[in-house]
Amino acid sequence: MQTNSKGNIANFVRYSRSRLKMTQVDLSEKAGVGLRFIRELEQGKQTLRVDKVNQVLQLFGYTLSPSPIRKIDPYEILLQYLNKSVRIQFKNKTELTGFIVEAITEGMEVKAWKFLSGNNYLKYQKSKDQELVKVINHSDLQNIGNV
């Protein structure tokens, strides 16, 4: 699992839990940790025991391990930017403005995004025409923000 801020693991756990339709109580029971620990983990508390964090992450098929830092947390995008007007900056210095409408995943890992320009967003909502969609690789993103 790659992290670059205290919120990445919190966002990942919150997203993974909601994706599996689990409550915080369900997660705490399945992981064998207290409910308070789950709440603190999802709030991004920085002083948590690594062994307990791994107990939770293992339920989703992950553990903490050293890895290169990723600039943008994909779970932050899912929680804060999905279906909202965004400006995306790419590593090659180009920019796009529009809407991220869906994550493309392999297992639980986000690999790419379905993106629509502002003009195509309304057309897509009515038709779901895949020719309007541009696929962008998550690894190409440098920055994202609301418009």
C-alpha atoms as a PDB file:
ATOM      1  CA  MET A   1       0.000   0.000   0.000  1.00  0.00           C
ATOM      2  CA  GLN A   2       1.406   3.389  -0.935  1.00  0.00           C
ATOM      3  CA  THR A   3       0.896   6.397   1.327  1.00  0.00           C
ATOM      4  CA  ASN A   4       1.935  10.017   1.295  1.00  0.00           C
ATOM      5  CA  SER A   5      -0.084  11.548   4.116  1.00  0.00           C
ATOM      6  CA  LYS A   6      -1.917  10.619   7.246  1.00  0.00           C
ATOM      7  CA  GLY A   7      -5.228  10.647   5.356  1.00  0.00           C
ATOM      8  CA  ASN A   8      -4.375   8.016   2.749  1.00  0.00           C
ATOM      9  CA  ILE A   9      -4.792   5.007   5.005  1.00  0.00           C
ATOM     10  CA  ALA A  10      -7.828   6.602   6.633  1.00  0.00           C
ATOM     11  CA  ASN A  11      -9.424   7.206   3.221  1.00  0.00           C
ATOM     12  CA  PHE A  12      -8.525   3.697   2.037  1.00  0.00           C
ATOM     13  CA  VAL A  13     -10.043   2.038   5.115  1.00  0.00           C
ATOM     14  CA  ARG A  14     -13.195   4.189   4.991  1.00  0.00           C
ATOM     15  CA  TYR A  15     -13.661   3.576   1.257  1.00  0.00           C
ATOM     16  CA  SER A  16     -12.932  -0.168   1.499  1.00  0.00           C
ATOM     17  CA  ARG A  17     -15.288  -0.569   4.433  1.00  0.00           C
ATOM     18  CA  SER A  18     -18.109   1.279   2.684  1.00  0.00           C
ATOM     19  CA  ARG A  19     -17.490  -0.630  -0.557  1.00  0.00           C
ATOM     20  CA  LEU A  20     -18.024  -3.863   1.377  1.00  0.00           C
ATOM     21  CA  LYS A  21     -21.096  -2.352   3.090  1.00  0.00           C
ATOM     22  CA  MET A  22     -19.541  -2.782   6.531  1.00  0.00           C
ATOM     23  CA  THR A  23     -20.139  -0.563   9.539  1.00  0.00           C
ATOM     24  CA  GLN A  24     -17.306   0.537  11.789  1.00  0.00           C
ATOM     25  CA  VAL A  25     -18.596  -1.965  14.348  1.00  0.00           C
ATOM     26  CA  ASP A  26     -18.495  -4.788  11.764  1.00  0.00           C
ATOM     27  CA  LEU A  27     -14.935  -3.875  10.812  1.00  0.00           C
ATOM     28  CA  SER A  28     -13.739  -3.668  14.412  1.00  0.00           C
ATOM     29  CA  GLU A  29     -15.207  -7.095  15.194  1.00  0.00           C
ATOM     30  CA  LYS A  30     -13.789  -8.776  12.081  1.00  0.00           C
ATOM     31  CA  ALA A  31     -10.328  -7.220  12.610  1.00  0.00           C
ATOM     32  CA  GLY A  32     -10.264  -7.957  16.336  1.00  0.00           C
ATOM     33  CA  VAL A  33      -9.693  -4.332  17.331  1.00  0.00           C
ATOM     34  CA  GLY A  34     -11.805  -1.857  19.272  1.00  0.00           C
ATOM     35  CA  LEU A  35     -14.387   0.445  17.735  1.00  0.00           C
ATOM     36  CA  ARG A  36     -12.451   3.447  19.051  1.00  0.00           C
ATOM     37  CA  PHE A  37      -9.382   2.250  17.133  1.00  0.00           C
ATOM     38  CA  ILE A  38     -11.390   2.072  13.864  1.00  0.00           C
ATOM     39  CA  ARG A  39     -12.762   5.575  14.427  1.00  0.00           C
ATOM     40  CA  GLU A  40      -9.296   6.954  15.129  1.00  0.00           C
ATOM     41  CA  LEU A  41      -7.865   5.141  12.099  1.00  0.00           C
ATOM     42  CA  GLU A  42     -10.566   6.547   9.790  1.00  0.00           C
ATOM     43  CA  GLN A  43      -9.975  10.031  11.213  1.00  0.00           C
ATOM     44  CA  GLY A  44      -6.278   9.834  10.325  1.00  0.00           C
ATOM     45  CA  LYS A  45      -4.779   9.656  13.812  1.00  0.00           C
ATOM     46  CA  GLN A  46      -1.007   9.415  13.420  1.00  0.00           C
ATOM     47  CA  THR A  47      -0.096   7.553  16.592  1.00  0.00           C
ATOM     48  CA  LEU A  48      -1.714   4.167  16.056  1.00  0.00           C
ATOM     49  CA  ARG A  49      -0.068   0.780  16.573  1.00  0.00           C
ATOM     50  CA  VAL A  50       1.198  -0.603  13.280  1.00  0.00           C
ATOM     51  CA  ASP A  51       0.287  -4.181  14.192  1.00  0.00           C
ATOM     52  CA  LYS A  52      -3.349  -3.175  14.734  1.00  0.00           C
ATOM     53  CA  VAL A  53      -3.399  -1.135  11.520  1.00  0.00           C
ATOM     54  CA  ASN A  54      -2.156  -4.244   9.707  1.00  0.00           C
ATOM     55  CA  GLN A  55      -4.908  -6.340  11.308  1.00  0.00           C
ATOM     56  CA  VAL A  56      -7.464  -4.018   9.693  1.00  0.00           C
ATOM     57  CA  LEU A  57      -5.661  -3.726   6.345  1.00  0.00           C
ATOM     58  CA  GLN A  58      -5.286  -7.507   6.057  1.00  0.00           C
ATOM     59  CA  LEU A  59      -9.085  -7.802   5.831  1.00  0.00           C
ATOM     60  CA  PHE A  60      -8.793  -5.882   2.540  1.00  0.00           C
ATOM     61  CA  GLY A  61      -5.754  -7.842   1.335  1.00  0.00           C
ATOM     62  CA  TYR A  62      -3.089  -5.251   2.255  1.00  0.00           C
ATOM     63  CA  THR A  63      -0.392  -4.580   4.839  1.00  0.00           C
ATOM     64  CA  LEU A  64       1.810  -1.609   5.576  1.00  0.00           C
ATOM     65  CA  SER A  65       5.173  -1.787   3.863  1.00  0.00           C
ATOM     66  CA  PRO A  66       7.771   0.664   2.576  1.00  0.00           C
ATOM     67  CA  SER A  67       7.055   1.788  -0.978  1.00  0.00           C
ATOM     68  CA  PRO A  68       7.520   4.800  -3.246  1.00  0.00           C
ATOM     69  CA  ILE A  69       5.341   7.795  -2.427  1.00  0.00           C
ATOM     70  CA  ARG A  70       2.369   8.403  -4.683  1.00  0.00           C
ATOM     71  CA  LYS A  71       1.405  12.030  -5.146  1.00  0.00           C
ATOM     72  CA  ILE A  72      -2.375  11.615  -5.194  1.00  0.00           C
ATOM     73  CA  ASP A  73      -4.424   9.341  -2.961  1.00  0.00           C
ATOM     74  CA  PRO A  74      -6.970   7.523  -5.162  1.00  0.00           C
ATOM     75  CA  TYR A  75      -9.346   7.066  -2.249  1.00  0.00           C
ATOM     76  CA  GLU A  76      -9.365  10.821  -1.649  1.00  0.00           C
ATOM     77  CA  ILE A  77     -10.468  11.220  -5.271  1.00  0.00           C
ATOM     78  CA  LEU A  78     -13.259   8.683  -4.747  1.00  0.00           C
ATOM     79  CA  LEU A  79     -14.440  10.394  -1.581  1.00  0.00           C
ATOM     80  CA  GLN A  80     -14.023  14.059  -2.568  1.00  0.00           C
ATOM     81  CA  TYR A  81     -13.916  14.481  -6.349  1.00  0.00           C
ATOM     82  CA  LEU A  82     -16.079  11.793  -7.967  1.00  0.00           C
ATOM     83  CA  ASN A  83     -18.810  13.358 -10.156  1.00  0.00           C
ATOM     84  CA  LYS A  84     -17.676  16.891  -9.265  1.00  0.00           C
ATOM     85  CA  SER A  85     -16.127  19.488 -11.526  1.00  0.00           C
ATOM     86  CA  VAL A  86     -12.329  19.143 -11.253  1.00  0.00           C
ATOM     87  CA  ARG A  87      -9.126  20.447 -12.779  1.00  0.00           C
ATOM     88  CA  ILE A  88      -6.508  17.738 -13.259  1.00  0.00           C
ATOM     89  CA  GLN A  89      -2.825  18.465 -13.772  1.00  0.00           C
ATOM     90  CA  PHE A  90      -0.715  15.716 -15.299  1.00  0.00           C
ATOM     91  CA  LYS A  91       2.964  14.944 -14.824  1.00  0.00           C
ATOM     92  CA  ASN A  92       3.565  16.024 -18.439  1.00  0.00           C
ATOM     93  CA  LYS A  93       2.292  19.516 -17.418  1.00  0.00           C
ATOM     94  CA  THR A  94      -0.987  19.316 -19.384  1.00  0.00           C
ATOM     95  CA  GLU A  95      -4.354  20.007 -17.749  1.00  0.00           C
ATOM     96  CA  LEU A  96      -7.938  18.840 -18.163  1.00  0.00           C
ATOM     97  CA  THR A  97     -11.125  20.252 -16.694  1.00  0.00           C
ATOM     98  CA  GLY A  98     -14.206  18.092 -16.361  1.00  0.00           C
ATOM     99  CA  PHE A  99     -15.614  15.248 -14.289  1.00  0.00           C
ATOM    100  CA  ILE A 100     -14.211  11.962 -12.999  1.00  0.00           C
ATOM    101  CA  VAL A 101     -17.177   9.596 -13.216  1.00  0.00           C
ATOM    102  CA  GLU A 102     -15.773   6.198 -12.321  1.00  0.00           C
ATOM    103  CA  ALA A 103     -12.696   4.405 -11.019  1.00  0.00           C
ATOM    104  CA  ILE A 104     -11.140   1.593 -13.012  1.00  0.00           C
ATOM    105  CA  THR A 105      -9.805  -0.934 -10.522  1.00  0.00           C
ATOM    106  CA  GLU A 106      -7.815  -4.125 -10.363  1.00  0.00           C
ATOM    107  CA  GLY A 107      -8.935  -5.810  -7.181  1.00  0.00           C
ATOM    108  CA  MET A 108      -9.088  -3.007  -4.614  1.00  0.00           C
ATOM    109  CA  GLU A 109      -6.445  -0.833  -6.331  1.00  0.00           C
ATOM    110  CA  VAL A 110      -7.432   2.106  -8.527  1.00  0.00           C
ATOM    111  CA  LYS A 111      -5.467   2.010 -11.787  1.00  0.00           C
ATOM    112  CA  ALA A 112      -7.287   4.592 -13.929  1.00  0.00           C
ATOM    113  CA  TRP A 113     -10.272   6.906 -14.126  1.00  0.00           C
ATOM    114  CA  LYS A 114     -13.117   7.500 -16.537  1.00  0.00           C
ATOM    115  CA  PHE A 115     -13.102  11.211 -17.293  1.00  0.00           C
ATOM    116  CA  LEU A 116     -15.546  13.450 -19.145  1.00  0.00           C
ATOM    117  CA  SER A 117     -15.120  17.024 -20.320  1.00  0.00           C
ATOM    118  CA  GLY A 118     -17.755  19.445 -19.075  1.00  0.00           C
ATOM    119  CA  ASN A 119     -19.616  19.410 -22.398  1.00  0.00           C
ATOM    120  CA  ASN A 120     -19.735  15.629 -22.545  1.00  0.00           C
ATOM    121  CA  TYR A 121     -20.796  15.148 -18.918  1.00  0.00           C
ATOM    122  CA  LEU A 122     -24.470  15.973 -19.489  1.00  0.00           C
ATOM    123  CA  LYS A 123     -24.578  13.922 -22.704  1.00  0.00           C
ATOM    124  CA  TYR A 124     -23.036  10.955 -20.876  1.00  0.00           C
ATOM    125  CA  GLN A 125     -25.538  11.175 -18.020  1.00  0.00           C
ATOM    126  CA  LYS A 126     -28.337  10.637 -20.528  1.00  0.00           C
ATOM    127  CA  SER A 127     -26.746   8.181 -22.956  1.00  0.00           C
ATOM    128  CA  LYS A 128     -23.853   6.447 -21.088  1.00  0.00           C
ATOM    129  CA  ASP A 129     -22.068   6.584 -24.469  1.00  0.00           C
ATOM    130  CA  GLN A 130     -18.559   5.206 -23.791  1.00  0.00           C
ATOM    131  CA  GLU A 131     -17.157   7.114 -26.786  1.00  0.00           C
ATOM    132  CA  LEU A 132     -17.512  10.305 -24.723  1.00  0.00           C
ATOM    133  CA  VAL A 133     -15.252   8.877 -21.992  1.00  0.00           C
ATOM    134  CA  LYS A 134     -11.524   9.493 -21.797  1.00  0.00           C
ATOM    135  CA  VAL A 135      -9.548   6.992 -19.693  1.00  0.00           C
ATOM    136  CA  ILE A 136      -6.718   8.527 -17.706  1.00  0.00           C
ATOM    137  CA  ASN A 137      -4.120   6.510 -15.806  1.00  0.00           C
ATOM    138  CA  HIS A 138      -3.902   7.283 -12.121  1.00  0.00           C
ATOM    139  CA  SER A 139      -0.097   7.156 -12.293  1.00  0.00           C
ATOM    140  CA  ASP A 140      -0.132  10.098 -14.754  1.00  0.00           C
ATOM    141  CA  LEU A 141      -1.836  12.461 -12.294  1.00  0.00           C
ATOM    142  CA  GLN A 142       0.177  15.128 -10.537  1.00  0.00           C
ATOM    143  CA  ASN A 143      -2.540  17.236  -8.921  1.00  0.00           C
ATOM    144  CA  ILE A 144      -6.327  17.480  -8.705  1.00  0.00           C
ATOM    145  CA  GLY A 145      -8.663  20.108  -7.311  1.00  0.00           C
ATOM    146  CA  ASN A 146     -12.173  21.471  -7.514  1.00  0.00           C
ATOM    147  CA  VAL A 147     -12.954  24.021 -10.197  1.00  0.00           C
END
